[in-house]
Structure formats: structure tokens, C-alpha cells
Amino acid sequence: MGMLGHAAFVKSDGSVFAHVHPDGTMAMAAMVMANSNASIYDWSQSTPIDMETMSGMDMVGNGLPNTVSFPYGFPAPGLYRIIVQMKHGNTVETGVFDTKVLMAAP
């Protein structure tokens, strides 16, 4: 895993699946358009780009945060399972959480 962690949000009826990163999640094509250095592959140069140059992918050095959040808005009420993976050192830890999302008050 080349980042602090990631999470998957899955609705019990299978109608929702989201894979989320701590810095937010966006389509790779949108990252390329927003920042040409963010792509995994630079099509204009036909040269691979180092993953560590991408935002949130630098796992080297000290001073990593001791808390991480995953920005996500549940699209509908219901039962959800949240699977979180975090990396510290060479160890990847996985946690599984179940939650009930209620409809927002008017």
C-alpha cells in the first residue's frame, strides 16, 4: 500500500460501493487534467512517473500523521460495512465496522 490507508464503504444491499483515500478520491483522468505530474503514466513523454510523486503517496520519512480521515458522504440511509486498511511500518492492519445511516432530518 503506497499511502496512509484506504477505506471501502459497502451498503448491505450491494447498491453502494465506494473506495476512498484520505486525501479524497477522484478519477485518474481528472487527476491528470488537474495536475500533469499526478498521472501514473505520462502519455506525452511515454515514461512511467514515480508513484511517490503523487499527492498522498509519499510514505518515506518521519512526521506522518497519527490520525487519518476518509472524506465520504453516504448517498442513502441503510446498513453499511466500512472496511479500513492502514499501514504502519511494514504492517497493514484491516478493520471492519458496521453502521446504520439514518435519513437526515428535514
N, C-alpha and C. Protein backbone atom coordinates (compact mmCIF):
# COMPACT_ATOMS: atom_id res chain seq x y z
N MET A 1 0.87 -1.17 0.00
CA MET A 1 0.00 0.00 0.00
C MET A 1 0.91 1.22 0.00
N GLY A 2 0.72 2.11 -0.96
CA GLY A 2 1.58 3.27 -1.09
C GLY A 2 1.01 4.54 -0.50
N MET A 3 0.09 4.45 0.44
CA MET A 3 -0.48 5.64 1.07
C MET A 3 -0.80 5.32 2.52
N LEU A 4 -1.28 6.32 3.26
CA LEU A 4 -1.57 6.12 4.68
C LEU A 4 -2.65 5.07 4.92
N GLY A 5 -3.59 4.96 4.01
CA GLY A 5 -4.66 4.00 4.18
C GLY A 5 -5.71 4.16 3.11
N HIS A 6 -6.70 3.30 3.16
CA HIS A 6 -7.86 3.44 2.29
C HIS A 6 -9.04 2.76 2.96
N ALA A 7 -10.24 3.11 2.50
CA ALA A 7 -11.46 2.56 3.08
C ALA A 7 -12.44 2.22 1.97
N ALA A 8 -13.24 1.19 2.22
CA ALA A 8 -14.32 0.84 1.32
C ALA A 8 -15.63 0.95 2.09
N PHE A 9 -16.62 1.58 1.48
CA PHE A 9 -17.95 1.74 2.06
C PHE A 9 -18.90 0.90 1.20
N VAL A 10 -19.57 -0.10 1.82
CA VAL A 10 -20.41 -1.02 1.07
C VAL A 10 -21.79 -1.07 1.74
N LYS A 11 -22.84 -0.76 0.97
CA LYS A 11 -24.21 -0.85 1.50
C LYS A 11 -24.65 -2.32 1.50
N SER A 12 -25.41 -2.72 2.51
CA SER A 12 -25.77 -4.13 2.69
C SER A 12 -26.53 -4.72 1.50
N ASP A 13 -27.27 -3.90 0.76
CA ASP A 13 -28.00 -4.42 -0.40
C ASP A 13 -27.15 -4.44 -1.67
N GLY A 14 -25.89 -4.04 -1.57
CA GLY A 14 -24.99 -4.05 -2.71
C GLY A 14 -25.13 -2.88 -3.66
N SER A 15 -26.00 -1.94 -3.34
CA SER A 15 -26.25 -0.82 -4.26
C SER A 15 -25.20 0.29 -4.18
N VAL A 16 -24.35 0.26 -3.15
CA VAL A 16 -23.32 1.30 -2.99
C VAL A 16 -21.99 0.62 -2.71
N PHE A 17 -20.97 1.04 -3.45
CA PHE A 17 -19.58 0.66 -3.17
C PHE A 17 -18.72 1.87 -3.46
N ALA A 18 -17.92 2.28 -2.49
CA ALA A 18 -17.00 3.39 -2.70
C ALA A 18 -15.65 3.05 -2.11
N HIS A 19 -14.58 3.27 -2.87
CA HIS A 19 -13.21 3.07 -2.42
C HIS A 19 -12.63 4.47 -2.23
N VAL A 20 -12.27 4.81 -0.99
CA VAL A 20 -11.92 6.19 -0.63
C VAL A 20 -10.51 6.26 -0.05
N HIS A 21 -9.79 7.33 -0.40
CA HIS A 21 -8.45 7.59 0.14
C HIS A 21 -8.50 8.78 1.08
N PRO A 22 -7.51 8.91 1.99
CA PRO A 22 -7.53 10.01 2.96
C PRO A 22 -7.57 11.40 2.33
N ASP A 23 -6.94 11.60 1.20
CA ASP A 23 -6.95 12.90 0.54
C ASP A 23 -8.17 13.08 -0.35
N GLY A 24 -9.13 12.16 -0.26
CA GLY A 24 -10.27 12.17 -1.16
C GLY A 24 -9.99 11.25 -2.33
N THR A 25 -10.98 11.01 -3.12
CA THR A 25 -10.84 10.08 -4.23
C THR A 25 -11.39 10.75 -5.48
N MET A 26 -10.62 10.65 -6.53
CA MET A 26 -11.08 11.20 -7.81
C MET A 26 -10.60 10.29 -8.93
N ALA A 27 -11.24 10.41 -10.04
CA ALA A 27 -10.87 9.59 -11.20
C ALA A 27 -9.46 9.95 -11.65
N MET A 28 -8.70 8.95 -12.09
CA MET A 28 -7.33 9.18 -12.55
C MET A 28 -7.30 10.20 -13.69
N ALA A 29 -8.28 10.15 -14.60
CA ALA A 29 -8.31 11.12 -15.70
C ALA A 29 -8.45 12.54 -15.17
N ALA A 30 -9.24 12.73 -14.11
CA ALA A 30 -9.39 14.06 -13.52
C ALA A 30 -8.09 14.52 -12.88
N MET A 31 -7.36 13.59 -12.26
CA MET A 31 -6.07 13.95 -11.68
C MET A 31 -5.10 14.40 -12.76
N VAL A 32 -5.11 13.70 -13.88
CA VAL A 32 -4.22 14.06 -14.99
C VAL A 32 -4.54 15.46 -15.49
N MET A 33 -5.83 15.76 -15.64
CA MET A 33 -6.23 17.08 -16.12
C MET A 33 -5.87 18.16 -15.11
N ALA A 34 -5.99 17.87 -13.81
CA ALA A 34 -5.72 18.87 -12.78
C ALA A 34 -4.23 19.10 -12.57
N ASN A 35 -3.44 18.05 -12.74
CA ASN A 35 -2.01 18.15 -12.45
C ASN A 35 -1.28 17.12 -13.30
N SER A 36 -0.57 17.56 -14.30
CA SER A 36 0.08 16.61 -15.22
C SER A 36 1.08 15.72 -14.51
N ASN A 37 1.62 16.12 -13.36
CA ASN A 37 2.56 15.28 -12.63
C ASN A 37 1.85 14.21 -11.81
N ALA A 38 0.53 14.26 -11.74
CA ALA A 38 -0.21 13.32 -10.90
C ALA A 38 -0.49 12.00 -11.59
N SER A 39 -0.29 11.93 -12.88
CA SER A 39 -0.63 10.69 -13.58
C SER A 39 0.41 9.61 -13.30
N ILE A 40 -0.03 8.37 -13.33
CA ILE A 40 0.89 7.25 -13.16
C ILE A 40 1.74 7.12 -14.42
N TYR A 41 1.17 7.47 -15.54
CA TYR A 41 1.87 7.33 -16.81
C TYR A 41 1.75 8.63 -17.58
N ASP A 42 2.85 9.24 -17.94
CA ASP A 42 2.86 10.49 -18.68
C ASP A 42 2.80 10.16 -20.18
N TRP A 43 1.61 10.26 -20.76
CA TRP A 43 1.41 9.87 -22.15
C TRP A 43 2.23 10.71 -23.12
N SER A 44 2.47 11.98 -22.78
CA SER A 44 3.23 12.84 -23.69
C SER A 44 4.70 12.45 -23.74
N GLN A 45 5.22 11.90 -22.65
CA GLN A 45 6.63 11.52 -22.59
C GLN A 45 6.85 10.02 -22.76
N SER A 46 5.78 9.24 -22.72
CA SER A 46 5.87 7.78 -22.78
C SER A 46 6.84 7.24 -21.73
N THR A 47 6.81 7.86 -20.54
CA THR A 47 7.69 7.45 -19.45
C THR A 47 6.89 7.26 -18.17
N PRO A 48 7.11 6.16 -17.48
CA PRO A 48 6.41 5.99 -16.20
C PRO A 48 6.81 7.09 -15.22
N ILE A 49 5.85 7.52 -14.39
CA ILE A 49 6.11 8.51 -13.36
C ILE A 49 6.11 7.80 -12.01
N ASP A 50 7.04 8.15 -11.16
CA ASP A 50 7.17 7.54 -9.84
C ASP A 50 5.91 7.78 -9.02
N MET A 51 5.33 6.73 -8.45
CA MET A 51 4.12 6.84 -7.64
C MET A 51 4.31 7.78 -6.46
N GLU A 52 5.54 7.89 -5.94
CA GLU A 52 5.76 8.74 -4.77
C GLU A 52 5.66 10.22 -5.10
N THR A 53 5.61 10.58 -6.39
CA THR A 53 5.42 11.99 -6.74
C THR A 53 3.95 12.38 -6.67
N MET A 54 3.07 11.39 -6.52
CA MET A 54 1.64 11.67 -6.45
C MET A 54 1.27 12.12 -5.04
N SER A 55 0.31 13.03 -4.95
CA SER A 55 -0.17 13.51 -3.66
C SER A 55 -0.65 12.36 -2.80
N GLY A 56 -0.22 12.35 -1.52
CA GLY A 56 -0.66 11.33 -0.58
C GLY A 56 0.05 10.00 -0.70
N MET A 57 0.99 9.87 -1.62
CA MET A 57 1.65 8.59 -1.83
C MET A 57 3.03 8.52 -1.17
N ASP A 58 3.52 9.61 -0.61
CA ASP A 58 4.84 9.65 0.00
C ASP A 58 4.79 9.00 1.37
N MET A 59 5.37 7.80 1.48
CA MET A 59 5.37 7.08 2.75
C MET A 59 6.75 7.10 3.39
N VAL A 60 7.66 7.90 2.86
CA VAL A 60 9.03 7.92 3.34
C VAL A 60 9.19 9.06 4.34
N GLY A 61 10.00 8.83 5.35
CA GLY A 61 10.33 9.90 6.28
C GLY A 61 9.50 9.84 7.54
N ASN A 62 9.82 10.74 8.44
CA ASN A 62 9.13 10.83 9.72
C ASN A 62 8.03 11.88 9.64
N GLY A 63 7.27 11.97 10.70
CA GLY A 63 6.26 13.01 10.77
C GLY A 63 4.94 12.67 10.11
N LEU A 64 4.67 11.39 9.86
CA LEU A 64 3.37 11.02 9.33
C LEU A 64 2.31 11.29 10.39
N PRO A 65 1.12 11.68 9.99
CA PRO A 65 0.08 11.98 10.99
C PRO A 65 -0.31 10.75 11.79
N ASN A 66 -0.76 10.98 13.04
CA ASN A 66 -1.20 9.85 13.85
C ASN A 66 -2.71 9.65 13.77
N THR A 67 -3.40 10.47 12.98
CA THR A 67 -4.82 10.28 12.69
C THR A 67 -5.04 10.45 11.19
N VAL A 68 -6.02 9.75 10.69
CA VAL A 68 -6.36 9.81 9.27
C VAL A 68 -7.87 9.84 9.16
N SER A 69 -8.39 10.63 8.23
CA SER A 69 -9.84 10.64 7.99
C SER A 69 -10.10 10.33 6.52
N PHE A 70 -11.30 9.84 6.27
CA PHE A 70 -11.70 9.47 4.92
C PHE A 70 -12.95 10.26 4.56
N PRO A 71 -12.82 11.28 3.71
CA PRO A 71 -13.99 12.09 3.36
C PRO A 71 -15.00 11.29 2.54
N TYR A 72 -16.22 11.15 3.09
CA TYR A 72 -17.24 10.39 2.38
C TYR A 72 -18.61 10.83 2.86
N GLY A 73 -19.52 11.01 1.95
CA GLY A 73 -20.91 11.32 2.27
C GLY A 73 -21.78 10.15 1.86
N PHE A 74 -22.47 9.55 2.80
CA PHE A 74 -23.33 8.41 2.49
C PHE A 74 -24.48 8.87 1.58
N PRO A 75 -24.69 8.20 0.45
CA PRO A 75 -25.69 8.66 -0.51
C PRO A 75 -27.13 8.32 -0.14
N ALA A 76 -27.32 7.36 0.77
CA ALA A 76 -28.67 6.94 1.13
C ALA A 76 -28.64 6.29 2.51
N PRO A 77 -29.76 6.36 3.23
CA PRO A 77 -29.82 5.67 4.52
C PRO A 77 -29.74 4.16 4.32
N GLY A 78 -29.34 3.45 5.38
CA GLY A 78 -29.29 2.00 5.32
C GLY A 78 -28.15 1.45 6.14
N LEU A 79 -27.93 0.15 6.02
CA LEU A 79 -26.85 -0.53 6.72
C LEU A 79 -25.61 -0.56 5.83
N TYR A 80 -24.47 -0.19 6.40
CA TYR A 80 -23.21 -0.14 5.66
C TYR A 80 -22.12 -0.90 6.41
N ARG A 81 -21.23 -1.50 5.67
CA ARG A 81 -19.99 -2.05 6.21
C ARG A 81 -18.86 -1.16 5.71
N ILE A 82 -17.97 -0.80 6.62
CA ILE A 82 -16.81 0.04 6.29
C ILE A 82 -15.56 -0.78 6.57
N ILE A 83 -14.76 -0.98 5.55
CA ILE A 83 -13.52 -1.74 5.68
C ILE A 83 -12.37 -0.75 5.52
N VAL A 84 -11.52 -0.67 6.54
CA VAL A 84 -10.42 0.30 6.55
C VAL A 84 -9.11 -0.46 6.61
N GLN A 85 -8.14 -0.05 5.79
CA GLN A 85 -6.78 -0.58 5.88
C GLN A 85 -5.83 0.57 6.11
N MET A 86 -4.93 0.39 7.07
CA MET A 86 -3.91 1.39 7.41
C MET A 86 -2.57 0.68 7.42
N LYS A 87 -1.53 1.44 7.08
CA LYS A 87 -0.19 0.86 7.08
C LYS A 87 0.68 1.61 8.07
N HIS A 88 1.40 0.86 8.89
CA HIS A 88 2.42 1.46 9.75
C HIS A 88 3.64 0.54 9.70
N GLY A 89 4.76 1.14 9.36
CA GLY A 89 5.95 0.32 9.13
C GLY A 89 5.71 -0.60 7.95
N ASN A 90 5.96 -1.88 8.14
CA ASN A 90 5.73 -2.87 7.09
C ASN A 90 4.44 -3.65 7.31
N THR A 91 3.63 -3.20 8.27
CA THR A 91 2.42 -3.93 8.64
C THR A 91 1.17 -3.22 8.11
N VAL A 92 0.30 -3.96 7.46
CA VAL A 92 -1.00 -3.45 7.03
C VAL A 92 -2.06 -4.03 7.96
N GLU A 93 -2.81 -3.17 8.62
CA GLU A 93 -3.87 -3.58 9.53
C GLU A 93 -5.22 -3.34 8.86
N THR A 94 -6.17 -4.25 9.06
CA THR A 94 -7.50 -4.12 8.49
C THR A 94 -8.53 -4.09 9.61
N GLY A 95 -9.45 -3.13 9.54
CA GLY A 95 -10.55 -3.05 10.49
C GLY A 95 -11.87 -3.05 9.74
N VAL A 96 -12.88 -3.70 10.33
CA VAL A 96 -14.20 -3.77 9.71
C VAL A 96 -15.22 -3.22 10.70
N PHE A 97 -16.06 -2.30 10.22
CA PHE A 97 -17.05 -1.63 11.06
C PHE A 97 -18.40 -1.67 10.36
N ASP A 98 -19.45 -1.94 11.12
CA ASP A 98 -20.81 -1.89 10.60
C ASP A 98 -21.52 -0.68 11.22
N THR A 99 -22.30 0.02 10.40
CA THR A 99 -23.01 1.20 10.88
C THR A 99 -24.37 1.30 10.21
N LYS A 100 -25.28 1.97 10.88
CA LYS A 100 -26.61 2.24 10.33
C LYS A 100 -26.70 3.74 10.07
N VAL A 101 -26.95 4.09 8.82
CA VAL A 101 -27.06 5.50 8.42
C VAL A 101 -28.55 5.84 8.36
N LEU A 102 -28.94 6.88 9.10
CA LEU A 102 -30.33 7.30 9.14
C LEU A 102 -30.57 8.43 8.16
N MET A 103 -31.84 8.64 7.79
CA MET A 103 -32.19 9.73 6.91
C MET A 103 -31.98 11.05 7.65
N ALA A 104 -31.43 12.04 6.97
CA ALA A 104 -31.19 13.34 7.58
C ALA A 104 -32.51 14.00 7.94
N ALA A 105 -32.51 14.70 9.06
CA ALA A 105 -33.73 15.43 9.49
C ALA A 105 -33.98 16.59 8.53
N PRO A 106 -35.29 16.87 8.24
CA PRO A 106 -35.59 17.96 7.30
C PRO A 106 -35.26 19.32 7.88
